[in-house]
Amino acid sequence: MVSMNLRQLRDTRKLKAWLKAGETVELRERNKVLGRIVPEETVTPPVEWPDFEARARAIFGDRVIPAVDILLEDRENSRY
């Protein structure tokens, strides 16, 4: 846990950096803990991904695309 005394508290850049990193900061005076500054927990909702399989099925149906064969064929045709 990071700690700083009250004089160091004037340097708000360090304090902000520690809080943004999720660190709890102890406030001290003459090596006695006066209190703690705890960062606020932000709850981010989970990202909802689109259903890529349903999209592909809507576009291509049930057919299988031989992507590897097409790639190898293109590489053979594009030789210098």
C-alpha atoms as a PDB file:
ATOM      1  CA  MET A   1       0.000   0.000   0.000  1.00  0.00           C
ATOM      2  CA  VAL A   2       1.345   3.416  -0.916  1.00  0.00           C
ATOM      3  CA  SER A   3       1.689   6.012   1.815  1.00  0.00           C
ATOM      4  CA  MET A   4       2.370   9.729   1.912  1.00  0.00           C
ATOM      5  CA  ASN A   5       2.519  12.352   4.610  1.00  0.00           C
ATOM      6  CA  LEU A   6       0.351  15.437   4.705  1.00  0.00           C
ATOM      7  CA  ARG A   7       3.042  17.670   3.172  1.00  0.00           C
ATOM      8  CA  GLN A   8       3.366  15.334   0.213  1.00  0.00           C
ATOM      9  CA  LEU A   9      -0.374  15.512  -0.263  1.00  0.00           C
ATOM     10  CA  ARG A  10       0.176  18.820  -2.063  1.00  0.00           C
ATOM     11  CA  ASP A  11       1.590  16.854  -4.994  1.00  0.00           C
ATOM     12  CA  THR A  12      -1.745  15.873  -6.453  1.00  0.00           C
ATOM     13  CA  ARG A  13      -0.207  14.339  -9.593  1.00  0.00           C
ATOM     14  CA  LYS A  14       1.214  11.406  -7.662  1.00  0.00           C
ATOM     15  CA  LEU A  15      -1.999  10.997  -5.727  1.00  0.00           C
ATOM     16  CA  LYS A  16      -4.111  11.016  -8.907  1.00  0.00           C
ATOM     17  CA  ALA A  17      -1.791   8.537 -10.611  1.00  0.00           C
ATOM     18  CA  TRP A  18      -1.971   6.135  -7.688  1.00  0.00           C
ATOM     19  CA  LEU A  19      -5.744   6.404  -7.433  1.00  0.00           C
ATOM     20  CA  LYS A  20      -6.191   5.880 -11.190  1.00  0.00           C
ATOM     21  CA  ALA A  21      -4.005   2.771 -10.908  1.00  0.00           C
ATOM     22  CA  GLY A  22      -6.346   1.459  -8.210  1.00  0.00           C
ATOM     23  CA  GLU A  23      -3.921   1.942  -5.300  1.00  0.00           C
ATOM     24  CA  THR A  24      -5.137   2.721  -1.799  1.00  0.00           C
ATOM     25  CA  VAL A  25      -3.123   5.596  -0.330  1.00  0.00           C
ATOM     26  CA  GLU A  26      -2.390   5.887   3.393  1.00  0.00           C
ATOM     27  CA  LEU A  27      -2.149   9.390   4.858  1.00  0.00           C
ATOM     28  CA  ARG A  28       0.451   9.631   7.604  1.00  0.00           C
ATOM     29  CA  GLU A  29       1.654  12.204  10.080  1.00  0.00           C
ATOM     30  CA  ARG A  30       4.874  11.398  11.938  1.00  0.00           C
ATOM     31  CA  ASN A  31       4.581   7.741  10.930  1.00  0.00           C
ATOM     32  CA  LYS A  32       1.057   7.410  12.322  1.00  0.00           C
ATOM     33  CA  VAL A  33      -1.704   6.480   9.941  1.00  0.00           C
ATOM     34  CA  LEU A  34      -4.371   9.188   9.907  1.00  0.00           C
ATOM     35  CA  GLY A  35      -6.543   7.709   7.240  1.00  0.00           C
ATOM     36  CA  ARG A  36      -6.784   6.059   3.854  1.00  0.00           C
ATOM     37  CA  ILE A  37      -7.880   7.335   0.475  1.00  0.00           C
ATOM     38  CA  VAL A  38      -9.533   4.503  -1.401  1.00  0.00           C
ATOM     39  CA  PRO A  39     -10.210   4.732  -5.149  1.00  0.00           C
ATOM     40  CA  GLU A  40     -13.791   4.405  -6.227  1.00  0.00           C
ATOM     41  CA  GLU A  41     -14.574   1.082  -7.810  1.00  0.00           C
ATOM     42  CA  THR A  42     -15.962   1.520 -11.267  1.00  0.00           C
ATOM     43  CA  VAL A  43     -18.101  -1.315 -12.489  1.00  0.00           C
ATOM     44  CA  THR A  44     -17.974  -1.632 -16.240  1.00  0.00           C
ATOM     45  CA  PRO A  45     -20.730  -3.635 -17.857  1.00  0.00           C
ATOM     46  CA  PRO A  46     -19.544  -6.586 -19.932  1.00  0.00           C
ATOM     47  CA  VAL A  47     -19.225  -5.944 -23.625  1.00  0.00           C
ATOM     48  CA  GLU A  48     -21.943  -7.564 -25.665  1.00  0.00           C
ATOM     49  CA  TRP A  49     -20.395  -9.000 -28.794  1.00  0.00           C
ATOM     50  CA  PRO A  50     -22.458  -9.443 -31.933  1.00  0.00           C
ATOM     51  CA  ASP A  51     -23.367 -12.967 -32.972  1.00  0.00           C
ATOM     52  CA  PHE A  52     -20.795 -13.453 -35.743  1.00  0.00           C
ATOM     53  CA  GLU A  53     -21.881 -17.025 -36.404  1.00  0.00           C
ATOM     54  CA  ALA A  54     -25.472 -15.935 -37.067  1.00  0.00           C
ATOM     55  CA  ARG A  55     -24.262 -13.162 -39.369  1.00  0.00           C
ATOM     56  CA  ALA A  56     -22.105 -15.580 -41.358  1.00  0.00           C
ATOM     57  CA  ARG A  57     -24.969 -18.061 -41.574  1.00  0.00           C
ATOM     58  CA  ALA A  58     -27.286 -15.286 -42.844  1.00  0.00           C
ATOM     59  CA  ILE A  59     -24.785 -14.252 -45.513  1.00  0.00           C
ATOM     60  CA  PHE A  60     -23.369 -17.612 -46.631  1.00  0.00           C
ATOM     61  CA  GLY A  61     -25.988 -20.088 -45.497  1.00  0.00           C
ATOM     62  CA  ASP A  62     -24.755 -23.597 -44.702  1.00  0.00           C
ATOM     63  CA  ARG A  63     -22.145 -23.772 -47.446  1.00  0.00           C
ATOM     64  CA  VAL A  64     -18.497 -24.244 -46.533  1.00  0.00           C
ATOM     65  CA  ILE A  65     -16.029 -21.848 -48.093  1.00  0.00           C
ATOM     66  CA  PRO A  66     -12.658 -23.476 -48.790  1.00  0.00           C
ATOM     67  CA  ALA A  67     -10.626 -20.447 -47.691  1.00  0.00           C
ATOM     68  CA  VAL A  68      -7.334 -22.340 -47.440  1.00  0.00           C
ATOM     69  CA  ASP A  69      -7.658 -23.697 -50.968  1.00  0.00           C
ATOM     70  CA  ILE A  70      -8.454 -20.230 -52.324  1.00  0.00           C
ATOM     71  CA  LEU A  71      -5.489 -18.722 -50.470  1.00  0.00           C
ATOM     72  CA  LEU A  72      -3.053 -21.338 -51.751  1.00  0.00           C
ATOM     73  CA  GLU A  73      -4.374 -20.902 -55.286  1.00  0.00           C
ATOM     74  CA  ASP A  74      -3.901 -17.131 -55.098  1.00  0.00           C
ATOM     75  CA  ARG A  75      -0.353 -17.528 -53.820  1.00  0.00           C
ATOM     76  CA  GLU A  76       0.551 -19.869 -56.664  1.00  0.00           C
ATOM     77  CA  ASN A  77      -0.871 -17.469 -59.272  1.00  0.00           C
ATOM     78  CA  SER A  78       0.816 -14.360 -57.865  1.00  0.00           C
ATOM     79  CA  ARG A  79       4.440 -15.498 -57.993  1.00  0.00           C
ATOM     80  CA  TYR A  80       6.918 -13.032 -59.444  1.00  0.00           C
END
